[in-house]
PDB file of all heavy atoms in Angstrom:
ATOM      1  N   VAL A   1     178.600 173.808   6.090  1.00  0.00           N
ATOM      2  CA  VAL A   1     177.660 172.664   6.328  1.00  0.00           C
ATOM      3  C   VAL A   1     176.199 173.089   6.074  1.00  0.00           C
ATOM      4  O   VAL A   1     175.385 172.302   5.606  1.00  0.00           O
ATOM      5  CB  VAL A   1     177.821 172.141   7.780  1.00  0.00           C
ATOM      6  CG1 VAL A   1     176.654 171.258   8.185  1.00  0.00           C
ATOM      7  CG2 VAL A   1     179.138 171.358   7.896  1.00  0.00           C
ATOM      8  N   GLY A   2     175.863 174.340   6.454  1.00  0.00           N
ATOM      9  CA  GLY A   2     174.469 174.774   6.355  1.00  0.00           C
ATOM     10  C   GLY A   2     173.791 174.922   7.697  1.00  0.00           C
ATOM     11  O   GLY A   2     172.566 174.945   7.818  1.00  0.00           O
ATOM     12  N   TYR A   3     174.629 175.008   8.744  1.00  0.00           N
ATOM     13  CA  TYR A   3     174.105 175.236  10.087  1.00  0.00           C
ATOM     14  C   TYR A   3     173.359 176.584  10.168  1.00  0.00           C
ATOM     15  O   TYR A   3     173.745 177.550   9.479  1.00  0.00           O
ATOM     16  CB  TYR A   3     175.188 175.293  11.133  1.00  0.00           C
ATOM     17  CG  TYR A   3     175.954 174.015  11.385  1.00  0.00           C
ATOM     18  CD1 TYR A   3     177.313 173.938  11.118  1.00  0.00           C
ATOM     19  CD2 TYR A   3     175.315 172.920  11.921  1.00  0.00           C
ATOM     20  CE1 TYR A   3     178.029 172.758  11.399  1.00  0.00           C
ATOM     21  CE2 TYR A   3     176.006 171.755  12.240  1.00  0.00           C
ATOM     22  CZ  TYR A   3     177.348 171.683  11.937  1.00  0.00           C
ATOM     23  OH  TYR A   3     178.060 170.513  12.249  1.00  0.00           O
ATOM     24  N   TYR A   4     172.390 176.698  11.074  1.00  0.00           N
ATOM     25  CA  TYR A   4     171.775 177.987  11.377  1.00  0.00           C
ATOM     26  C   TYR A   4     172.811 178.830  12.148  1.00  0.00           C
ATOM     27  O   TYR A   4     172.992 180.010  11.833  1.00  0.00           O
ATOM     28  CB  TYR A   4     170.522 177.778  12.235  1.00  0.00           C
ATOM     29  CG  TYR A   4     169.981 179.037  12.847  1.00  0.00           C
ATOM     30  CD1 TYR A   4     169.447 180.095  12.090  1.00  0.00           C
ATOM     31  CD2 TYR A   4     170.017 179.213  14.272  1.00  0.00           C
ATOM     32  CE1 TYR A   4     168.968 181.231  12.645  1.00  0.00           C
ATOM     33  CE2 TYR A   4     169.533 180.374  14.818  1.00  0.00           C
ATOM     34  CZ  TYR A   4     169.032 181.398  14.041  1.00  0.00           C
ATOM     35  OH  TYR A   4     168.545 182.525  14.628  1.00  0.00           O
ATOM     36  N   SER A   5     173.447 178.230  13.138  1.00  0.00           N
ATOM     37  CA  SER A   5     174.463 178.947  13.914  1.00  0.00           C
ATOM     38  C   SER A   5     175.452 177.995  14.508  1.00  0.00           C
ATOM     39  O   SER A   5     175.215 176.787  14.663  1.00  0.00           O
ATOM     40  CB  SER A   5     173.757 179.768  15.028  1.00  0.00           C
ATOM     41  OG  SER A   5     173.214 178.961  16.015  1.00  0.00           O
ATOM     42  N   LEU A   6     176.624 178.523  14.896  1.00  0.00           N
ATOM     43  CA  LEU A   6     177.657 177.789  15.607  1.00  0.00           C
ATOM     44  C   LEU A   6     177.752 178.418  16.977  1.00  0.00           C
ATOM     45  O   LEU A   6     178.022 179.626  17.123  1.00  0.00           O
ATOM     46  CB  LEU A   6     179.005 177.894  14.939  1.00  0.00           C
ATOM     47  CG  LEU A   6     179.155 177.320  13.517  1.00  0.00           C
ATOM     48  CD1 LEU A   6     180.529 177.640  12.963  1.00  0.00           C
ATOM     49  CD2 LEU A   6     178.941 175.783  13.536  1.00  0.00           C
ATOM     50  N   GLU A   7     177.545 177.622  18.027  1.00  0.00           N
ATOM     51  CA  GLU A   7     177.733 178.106  19.395  1.00  0.00           C
ATOM     52  C   GLU A   7     179.222 177.976  19.711  1.00  0.00           C
ATOM     53  O   GLU A   7     179.746 176.870  19.798  1.00  0.00           O
ATOM     54  CB  GLU A   7     176.893 177.368  20.413  1.00  0.00           C
ATOM     55  CG  GLU A   7     176.937 178.031  21.783  1.00  0.00           C
ATOM     56  CD  GLU A   7     176.358 177.161  22.936  1.00  0.00           C
ATOM     57  OE1 GLU A   7     176.589 175.959  22.866  1.00  0.00           O
ATOM     58  OE2 GLU A   7     175.777 177.746  23.824  1.00  0.00           O
ATOM     59  N   VAL A   8     179.898 179.116  19.908  1.00  0.00           N
ATOM     60  CA  VAL A   8     181.363 179.066  19.961  1.00  0.00           C
ATOM     61  C   VAL A   8     181.938 179.748  21.226  1.00  0.00           C
ATOM     62  O   VAL A   8     183.154 179.668  21.439  1.00  0.00           O
ATOM     63  CB  VAL A   8     182.007 179.771  18.727  1.00  0.00           C
ATOM     64  CG1 VAL A   8     181.607 179.049  17.450  1.00  0.00           C
ATOM     65  CG2 VAL A   8     181.616 181.237  18.663  1.00  0.00           C
ATOM     66  N   TRP A   9     181.094 180.394  21.991  1.00  0.00           N
ATOM     67  CA  TRP A   9     181.668 181.266  23.040  1.00  0.00           C
ATOM     68  C   TRP A   9     180.683 181.364  24.201  1.00  0.00           C
ATOM     69  O   TRP A   9     179.550 180.914  24.128  1.00  0.00           O
ATOM     70  CB  TRP A   9     181.888 182.675  22.431  1.00  0.00           C
ATOM     71  CG  TRP A   9     183.080 183.381  22.960  1.00  0.00           C
ATOM     72  CD1 TRP A   9     184.364 182.961  22.931  1.00  0.00           C
ATOM     73  CD2 TRP A   9     183.095 184.709  23.508  1.00  0.00           C
ATOM     74  NE1 TRP A   9     185.173 183.936  23.451  1.00  0.00           N
ATOM     75  CE2 TRP A   9     184.438 185.010  23.848  1.00  0.00           C
ATOM     76  CE3 TRP A   9     182.121 185.660  23.823  1.00  0.00           C
ATOM     77  CZ2 TRP A   9     184.821 186.218  24.430  1.00  0.00           C
ATOM     78  CZ3 TRP A   9     182.509 186.854  24.391  1.00  0.00           C
ATOM     79  CH2 TRP A   9     183.834 187.134  24.709  1.00  0.00           C
ATOM     80  N   GLY A  10     181.141 181.933  25.310  1.00  0.00           N
ATOM     81  CA  GLY A  10     180.298 182.065  26.479  1.00  0.00           C
ATOM     82  C   GLY A  10     180.333 180.784  27.301  1.00  0.00           C
ATOM     83  O   GLY A  10     181.209 179.930  27.124  1.00  0.00           O
ATOM     84  N   GLY A  11     179.366 180.647  28.227  1.00  0.00           N
ATOM     85  CA  GLY A  11     179.390 179.478  29.093  1.00  0.00           C
ATOM     86  C   GLY A  11     180.708 179.521  29.875  1.00  0.00           C
ATOM     87  O   GLY A  11     181.119 180.552  30.394  1.00  0.00           O
ATOM     88  N   ALA A  12     181.411 178.371  29.864  1.00  0.00           N
ATOM     89  CA  ALA A  12     182.689 178.297  30.596  1.00  0.00           C
ATOM     90  C   ALA A  12     183.909 178.516  29.732  1.00  0.00           C
ATOM     91  O   ALA A  12     185.027 178.430  30.187  1.00  0.00           O
ATOM     92  CB  ALA A  12     182.791 176.932  31.271  1.00  0.00           C
ATOM     93  N   THR A  13     183.706 178.830  28.416  1.00  0.00           N
ATOM     94  CA  THR A  13     184.839 178.981  27.508  1.00  0.00           C
ATOM     95  C   THR A  13     185.750 180.063  27.944  1.00  0.00           C
ATOM     96  O   THR A  13     186.981 179.975  27.903  1.00  0.00           O
ATOM     97  CB  THR A  13     184.376 179.190  26.039  1.00  0.00           C
ATOM     98  OG1 THR A  13     183.578 180.354  26.004  1.00  0.00           O
ATOM     99  CG2 THR A  13     183.614 178.013  25.536  1.00  0.00           C
ATOM    100  N   PHE A  14     185.203 181.191  28.363  1.00  0.00           N
ATOM    101  CA  PHE A  14     185.986 182.395  28.710  1.00  0.00           C
ATOM    102  C   PHE A  14     186.859 182.091  29.897  1.00  0.00           C
ATOM    103  O   PHE A  14     188.053 182.312  29.857  1.00  0.00           O
ATOM    104  CB  PHE A  14     184.988 183.517  29.085  1.00  0.00           C
ATOM    105  CG  PHE A  14     185.582 184.901  29.041  1.00  0.00           C
ATOM    106  CD1 PHE A  14     185.347 185.742  27.982  1.00  0.00           C
ATOM    107  CD2 PHE A  14     186.344 185.376  30.075  1.00  0.00           C
ATOM    108  CE1 PHE A  14     185.826 187.022  27.940  1.00  0.00           C
ATOM    109  CE2 PHE A  14     186.866 186.645  30.044  1.00  0.00           C
ATOM    110  CZ  PHE A  14     186.627 187.507  28.972  1.00  0.00           C
ATOM    111  N   ASP A  15     186.293 181.513  30.948  1.00  0.00           N
ATOM    112  CA  ASP A  15     187.028 181.155  32.188  1.00  0.00           C
ATOM    113  C   ASP A  15     188.092 180.127  31.870  1.00  0.00           C
ATOM    114  O   ASP A  15     189.245 180.253  32.284  1.00  0.00           O
ATOM    115  CB  ASP A  15     185.999 180.611  33.190  1.00  0.00           C
ATOM    116  CG  ASP A  15     186.632 180.348  34.565  1.00  0.00           C
ATOM    117  OD1 ASP A  15     187.777 180.809  34.816  1.00  0.00           O
ATOM    118  OD2 ASP A  15     185.999 179.681  35.416  1.00  0.00           O
ATOM    119  N   ALA A  16     187.754 179.067  31.094  1.00  0.00           N
ATOM    120  CA  ALA A  16     188.725 178.032  30.794  1.00  0.00           C
ATOM    121  C   ALA A  16     189.915 178.540  30.009  1.00  0.00           C
ATOM    122  O   ALA A  16     191.046 178.108  30.233  1.00  0.00           O
ATOM    123  CB  ALA A  16     188.019 176.887  30.047  1.00  0.00           C
ATOM    124  N   CYS A  17     189.649 179.481  29.092  1.00  0.00           N
ATOM    125  CA  CYS A  17     190.762 180.018  28.296  1.00  0.00           C
ATOM    126  C   CYS A  17     191.813 180.647  29.157  1.00  0.00           C
ATOM    127  O   CYS A  17     193.026 180.363  28.997  1.00  0.00           O
ATOM    128  CB  CYS A  17     190.211 181.097  27.298  1.00  0.00           C
ATOM    129  SG  CYS A  17     189.590 180.431  25.753  1.00  0.00           S
ATOM    130  N   ILE A  18     191.422 181.484  30.110  1.00  0.00           N
ATOM    131  CA  ILE A  18     192.425 182.152  30.938  1.00  0.00           C
ATOM    132  C   ILE A  18     192.933 181.325  32.067  1.00  0.00           C
ATOM    133  O   ILE A  18     194.072 181.468  32.502  1.00  0.00           O
ATOM    134  CB  ILE A  18     191.951 183.556  31.408  1.00  0.00           C
ATOM    135  CG1 ILE A  18     190.658 183.470  32.229  1.00  0.00           C
ATOM    136  CG2 ILE A  18     191.807 184.498  30.246  1.00  0.00           C
ATOM    137  CD1 ILE A  18     190.209 184.793  32.807  1.00  0.00           C
ATOM    138  N   ARG A  19     192.080 180.453  32.626  1.00  0.00           N
ATOM    139  CA  ARG A  19     192.443 179.657  33.794  1.00  0.00           C
ATOM    140  C   ARG A  19     193.325 178.435  33.446  1.00  0.00           C
ATOM    141  O   ARG A  19     194.270 178.113  34.153  1.00  0.00           O
ATOM    142  CB  ARG A  19     191.196 179.183  34.508  1.00  0.00           C
ATOM    143  CG  ARG A  19     191.459 178.533  35.886  1.00  0.00           C
ATOM    144  CD  ARG A  19     190.240 177.817  36.405  1.00  0.00           C
ATOM    145  NE  ARG A  19     189.118 178.748  36.609  1.00  0.00           N
ATOM    146  CZ  ARG A  19     188.757 179.256  37.829  1.00  0.00           C
ATOM    147  NH1 ARG A  19     189.405 178.877  38.892  1.00  0.00           N
ATOM    148  NH2 ARG A  19     187.745 180.084  37.905  1.00  0.00           N
ATOM    149  N   PHE A  20     192.969 177.783  32.352  1.00  0.00           N
ATOM    150  CA  PHE A  20     193.652 176.516  32.046  1.00  0.00           C
ATOM    151  C   PHE A  20     194.486 176.521  30.753  1.00  0.00           C
ATOM    152  O   PHE A  20     195.451 175.770  30.615  1.00  0.00           O
ATOM    153  CB  PHE A  20     192.639 175.384  31.936  1.00  0.00           C
ATOM    154  CG  PHE A  20     191.793 175.181  33.169  1.00  0.00           C
ATOM    155  CD1 PHE A  20     190.439 175.434  33.163  1.00  0.00           C
ATOM    156  CD2 PHE A  20     192.403 174.803  34.360  1.00  0.00           C
ATOM    157  CE1 PHE A  20     189.688 175.294  34.305  1.00  0.00           C
ATOM    158  CE2 PHE A  20     191.626 174.635  35.491  1.00  0.00           C
ATOM    159  CZ  PHE A  20     190.289 174.871  35.461  1.00  0.00           C
ATOM    160  N   LEU A  21     194.092 177.332  29.756  1.00  0.00           N
ATOM    161  CA  LEU A  21     194.697 177.198  28.449  1.00  0.00           C
ATOM    162  C   LEU A  21     195.673 178.307  28.096  1.00  0.00           C
ATOM    163  O   LEU A  21     196.334 178.293  27.065  1.00  0.00           O
ATOM    164  CB  LEU A  21     193.588 177.172  27.350  1.00  0.00           C
ATOM    165  CG  LEU A  21     192.503 176.108  27.530  1.00  0.00           C
ATOM    166  CD1 LEU A  21     191.451 176.233  26.445  1.00  0.00           C
ATOM    167  CD2 LEU A  21     193.128 174.710  27.508  1.00  0.00           C
ATOM    168  N   ASN A  22     195.780 179.340  28.963  1.00  0.00           N
ATOM    169  CA  ASN A  22     196.625 180.500  28.700  1.00  0.00           C
ATOM    170  C   ASN A  22     196.351 181.119  27.366  1.00  0.00           C
ATOM    171  O   ASN A  22     197.203 181.452  26.560  1.00  0.00           O
ATOM    172  CB  ASN A  22     198.109 180.113  28.787  1.00  0.00           C
ATOM    173  CG  ASN A  22     199.004 181.357  28.902  1.00  0.00           C
ATOM    174  OD1 ASN A  22     198.626 182.370  29.476  1.00  0.00           O
ATOM    175  ND2 ASN A  22     200.192 181.283  28.292  1.00  0.00           N
ATOM    176  N   GLU A  23     195.003 181.298  27.076  1.00  0.00           N
ATOM    177  CA  GLU A  23     194.570 181.881  25.837  1.00  0.00           C
ATOM    178  C   GLU A  23     193.725 183.124  26.143  1.00  0.00           C
ATOM    179  O   GLU A  23     193.000 183.160  27.134  1.00  0.00           O
ATOM    180  CB  GLU A  23     193.725 180.885  25.012  1.00  0.00           C
ATOM    181  CG  GLU A  23     194.448 179.741  24.448  1.00  0.00           C
ATOM    182  CD  GLU A  23     193.589 178.869  23.537  1.00  0.00           C
ATOM    183  OE1 GLU A  23     192.451 179.269  23.253  1.00  0.00           O
ATOM    184  OE2 GLU A  23     194.051 177.823  23.162  1.00  0.00           O
ATOM    185  N   ASP A  24     193.727 184.062  25.178  1.00  0.00           N
ATOM    186  CA  ASP A  24     192.851 185.240  25.306  1.00  0.00           C
ATOM    187  C   ASP A  24     191.488 184.866  24.692  1.00  0.00           C
ATOM    188  O   ASP A  24     191.445 184.619  23.481  1.00  0.00           O
ATOM    189  CB  ASP A  24     193.501 186.401  24.561  1.00  0.00           C
ATOM    190  CG  ASP A  24     192.699 187.692  24.724  1.00  0.00           C
ATOM    191  OD1 ASP A  24     191.450 187.598  24.925  1.00  0.00           O
ATOM    192  OD2 ASP A  24     193.281 188.804  24.632  1.00  0.00           O
ATOM    193  N   PRO A  25     190.441 184.809  25.476  1.00  0.00           N
ATOM    194  CA  PRO A  25     189.152 184.411  24.923  1.00  0.00           C
ATOM    195  C   PRO A  25     188.612 185.387  23.867  1.00  0.00           C
ATOM    196  O   PRO A  25     187.963 184.946  22.904  1.00  0.00           O
ATOM    197  CB  PRO A  25     188.202 184.413  26.144  1.00  0.00           C
ATOM    198  CG  PRO A  25     188.900 185.197  27.195  1.00  0.00           C
ATOM    199  CD  PRO A  25     190.364 185.080  26.931  1.00  0.00           C
ATOM    200  N   TRP A  26     188.981 186.628  23.975  1.00  0.00           N
ATOM    201  CA  TRP A  26     188.554 187.601  22.964  1.00  0.00           C
ATOM    202  C   TRP A  26     189.286 187.355  21.636  1.00  0.00           C
ATOM    203  O   TRP A  26     188.694 187.432  20.559  1.00  0.00           O
ATOM    204  CB  TRP A  26     188.857 189.018  23.409  1.00  0.00           C
ATOM    205  CG  TRP A  26     188.079 189.441  24.638  1.00  0.00           C
ATOM    206  CD1 TRP A  26     188.536 189.505  25.906  1.00  0.00           C
ATOM    207  CD2 TRP A  26     186.716 189.894  24.675  1.00  0.00           C
ATOM    208  NE1 TRP A  26     187.482 189.938  26.750  1.00  0.00           N
ATOM    209  CE2 TRP A  26     186.390 190.206  26.008  1.00  0.00           C
ATOM    210  CE3 TRP A  26     185.734 190.056  23.692  1.00  0.00           C
ATOM    211  CZ2 TRP A  26     185.135 190.648  26.393  1.00  0.00           C
ATOM    212  CZ3 TRP A  26     184.452 190.519  24.067  1.00  0.00           C
ATOM    213  CH2 TRP A  26     184.162 190.808  25.406  1.00  0.00           C
ATOM    214  N   GLU A  27     190.551 186.995  21.737  1.00  0.00           N
ATOM    215  CA  GLU A  27     191.302 186.663  20.553  1.00  0.00           C
ATOM    216  C   GLU A  27     190.738 185.402  19.854  1.00  0.00           C
ATOM    217  O   GLU A  27     190.690 185.361  18.655  1.00  0.00           O
ATOM    218  CB  GLU A  27     192.814 186.476  20.896  1.00  0.00           C
ATOM    219  CG  GLU A  27     193.710 186.271  19.695  1.00  0.00           C
ATOM    220  CD  GLU A  27     193.543 187.313  18.597  1.00  0.00           C
ATOM    221  OE1 GLU A  27     193.486 188.526  18.912  1.00  0.00           O
ATOM    222  OE2 GLU A  27     193.445 186.876  17.438  1.00  0.00           O
ATOM    223  N   ARG A  28     190.331 184.452  20.686  1.00  0.00           N
ATOM    224  CA  ARG A  28     189.677 183.235  20.116  1.00  0.00           C
ATOM    225  C   ARG A  28     188.435 183.597  19.298  1.00  0.00           C
ATOM    226  O   ARG A  28     188.271 183.164  18.166  1.00  0.00           O
ATOM    227  CB  ARG A  28     189.268 182.256  21.226  1.00  0.00           C
ATOM    228  CG  ARG A  28     188.442 181.105  20.697  1.00  0.00           C
ATOM    229  CD  ARG A  28     187.951 180.121  21.725  1.00  0.00           C
ATOM    230  NE  ARG A  28     189.068 179.325  22.238  1.00  0.00           N
ATOM    231  CZ  ARG A  28     188.911 178.207  22.943  1.00  0.00           C
ATOM    232  NH1 ARG A  28     187.681 177.710  23.182  1.00  0.00           N
ATOM    233  NH2 ARG A  28     189.940 177.496  23.368  1.00  0.00           N
ATOM    234  N   LEU A  29     187.621 184.487  19.886  1.00  0.00           N
ATOM    235  CA  LEU A  29     186.403 184.878  19.191  1.00  0.00           C
ATOM    236  C   LEU A  29     186.713 185.592  17.856  1.00  0.00           C
ATOM    237  O   LEU A  29     186.107 185.291  16.816  1.00  0.00           O
ATOM    238  CB  LEU A  29     185.575 185.783  20.108  1.00  0.00           C
ATOM    239  CG  LEU A  29     184.306 186.402  19.487  1.00  0.00           C
ATOM    240  CD1 LEU A  29     183.370 185.345  18.925  1.00  0.00           C
ATOM    241  CD2 LEU A  29     183.543 187.253  20.514  1.00  0.00           C
ATOM    242  N   ARG A  30     187.697 186.488  17.884  1.00  0.00           N
ATOM    243  CA  ARG A  30     188.078 187.249  16.685  1.00  0.00           C
ATOM    244  C   ARG A  30     188.606 186.264  15.602  1.00  0.00           C
ATOM    245  O   ARG A  30     188.297 186.388  14.408  1.00  0.00           O
ATOM    246  CB  ARG A  30     189.110 188.321  17.018  1.00  0.00           C
ATOM    247  CG  ARG A  30     188.524 189.491  17.745  1.00  0.00           C
ATOM    248  CD  ARG A  30     189.521 190.658  17.854  1.00  0.00           C
ATOM    249  NE  ARG A  30     190.629 190.394  18.761  1.00  0.00           N
ATOM    250  CZ  ARG A  30     190.616 190.666  20.075  1.00  0.00           C
ATOM    251  NH1 ARG A  30     189.534 191.271  20.595  1.00  0.00           N
ATOM    252  NH2 ARG A  30     191.652 190.405  20.839  1.00  0.00           N
ATOM    253  N   ALA A  31     189.377 185.304  16.065  1.00  0.00           N
ATOM    254  CA  ALA A  31     189.986 184.306  15.119  1.00  0.00           C
ATOM    255  C   ALA A  31     188.903 183.448  14.465  1.00  0.00           C
ATOM    256  O   ALA A  31     188.934 183.128  13.279  1.00  0.00           O
ATOM    257  CB  ALA A  31     191.017 183.435  15.821  1.00  0.00           C
ATOM    258  N   ILE A  32     187.921 183.072  15.273  1.00  0.00           N
ATOM    259  CA  ILE A  32     186.787 182.293  14.727  1.00  0.00           C
ATOM    260  C   ILE A  32     185.985 183.138  13.742  1.00  0.00           C
ATOM    261  O   ILE A  32     185.650 182.686  12.620  1.00  0.00           O
ATOM    262  CB  ILE A  32     185.886 181.779  15.882  1.00  0.00           C
ATOM    263  CG1 ILE A  32     186.622 180.757  16.720  1.00  0.00           C
ATOM    264  CG2 ILE A  32     184.600 181.125  15.298  1.00  0.00           C
ATOM    265  CD1 ILE A  32     185.865 180.297  18.005  1.00  0.00           C
ATOM    266  N   ARG A  33     185.690 184.389  14.120  1.00  0.00           N
ATOM    267  CA  ARG A  33     184.904 185.239  13.241  1.00  0.00           C
ATOM    268  C   ARG A  33     185.594 185.487  11.925  1.00  0.00           C
ATOM    269  O   ARG A  33     184.942 185.579  10.849  1.00  0.00           O
ATOM    270  CB  ARG A  33     184.650 186.593  13.985  1.00  0.00           C
ATOM    271  CG  ARG A  33     183.855 187.610  13.185  1.00  0.00           C
ATOM    272  CD  ARG A  33     182.344 187.326  13.156  1.00  0.00           C
ATOM    273  NE  ARG A  33     181.899 186.298  12.222  1.00  0.00           N
ATOM    274  CZ  ARG A  33     180.639 185.865  12.159  1.00  0.00           C
ATOM    275  NH1 ARG A  33     179.722 186.315  12.979  1.00  0.00           N
ATOM    276  NH2 ARG A  33     180.336 184.948  11.298  1.00  0.00           N
ATOM    277  N   ALA A  34     186.923 185.594  11.949  1.00  0.00           N
ATOM    278  CA  ALA A  34     187.677 185.839  10.725  1.00  0.00           C
ATOM    279  C   ALA A  34     187.531 184.705   9.737  1.00  0.00           C
ATOM    280  O   ALA A  34     187.659 184.877   8.505  1.00  0.00           O
ATOM    281  CB  ALA A  34     189.155 186.089  11.047  1.00  0.00           C
ATOM    282  N   ARG A  35     187.265 183.512  10.256  1.00  0.00           N
ATOM    283  CA  ARG A  35     187.185 182.300   9.375  1.00  0.00           C
ATOM    284  C   ARG A  35     185.754 181.874   9.072  1.00  0.00           C
ATOM    285  O   ARG A  35     185.513 181.138   8.100  1.00  0.00           O
ATOM    286  CB  ARG A  35     187.916 181.144  10.049  1.00  0.00           C
ATOM    287  CG  ARG A  35     189.449 181.336  10.022  1.00  0.00           C
ATOM    288  CD  ARG A  35     190.133 180.445  11.049  1.00  0.00           C
ATOM    289  NE  ARG A  35     191.584 180.634  11.035  1.00  0.00           N
ATOM    290  CZ  ARG A  35     192.251 181.661  11.532  1.00  0.00           C
ATOM    291  NH1 ARG A  35     191.587 182.636  12.164  1.00  0.00           N
ATOM    292  NH2 ARG A  35     193.571 181.748  11.461  1.00  0.00           N
ATOM    293  N   VAL A  36     184.782 182.337   9.860  1.00  0.00           N
ATOM    294  CA  VAL A  36     183.397 181.932   9.615  1.00  0.00           C
ATOM    295  C   VAL A  36     182.692 183.104   8.914  1.00  0.00           C
ATOM    296  O   VAL A  36     182.390 184.133   9.581  1.00  0.00           O
ATOM    297  CB  VAL A  36     182.698 181.547  10.942  1.00  0.00           C
ATOM    298  CG1 VAL A  36     181.225 181.202  10.687  1.00  0.00           C
ATOM    299  CG2 VAL A  36     183.396 180.348  11.574  1.00  0.00           C
ATOM    300  N   LYS A  37     182.403 182.945   7.652  1.00  0.00           N
ATOM    301  CA  LYS A  37     181.860 184.059   6.847  1.00  0.00           C
ATOM    302  C   LYS A  37     180.359 183.968   6.626  1.00  0.00           C
ATOM    303  O   LYS A  37     179.703 184.957   6.430  1.00  0.00           O
ATOM    304  CB  LYS A  37     182.531 184.046   5.449  1.00  0.00           C
ATOM    305  CG  LYS A  37     184.034 183.943   5.449  1.00  0.00           C
ATOM    306  CD  LYS A  37     184.705 185.198   5.897  1.00  0.00           C
ATOM    307  CE  LYS A  37     186.223 185.125   5.686  1.00  0.00           C
ATOM    308  NZ  LYS A  37     186.925 186.274   6.270  1.00  0.00           N
ATOM    309  N   LYS A  38     179.782 182.749   6.692  1.00  0.00           N
ATOM    310  CA  LYS A  38     178.380 182.576   6.293  1.00  0.00           C
ATOM    311  C   LYS A  38     177.478 182.285   7.473  1.00  0.00           C
ATOM    312  O   LYS A  38     176.271 182.561   7.418  1.00  0.00           O
ATOM    313  CB  LYS A  38     178.252 181.389   5.318  1.00  0.00           C
ATOM    314  CG  LYS A  38     179.133 181.455   4.098  1.00  0.00           C
ATOM    315  CD  LYS A  38     179.062 180.148   3.299  1.00  0.00           C
ATOM    316  CE  LYS A  38     179.992 180.117   2.152  1.00  0.00           C
ATOM    317  NZ  LYS A  38     180.033 178.822   1.463  1.00  0.00           N
TER     318      LYS A  38
END
């Protein structure tokens, strides 16, 4: 798109991943980074 940045992590995302979604927040971050190159 041409964004300066994407806010993708922190805040309540970490807590929500393990408390409600049964997801590893670190794995989410790595998966996002693998797809966002620019």
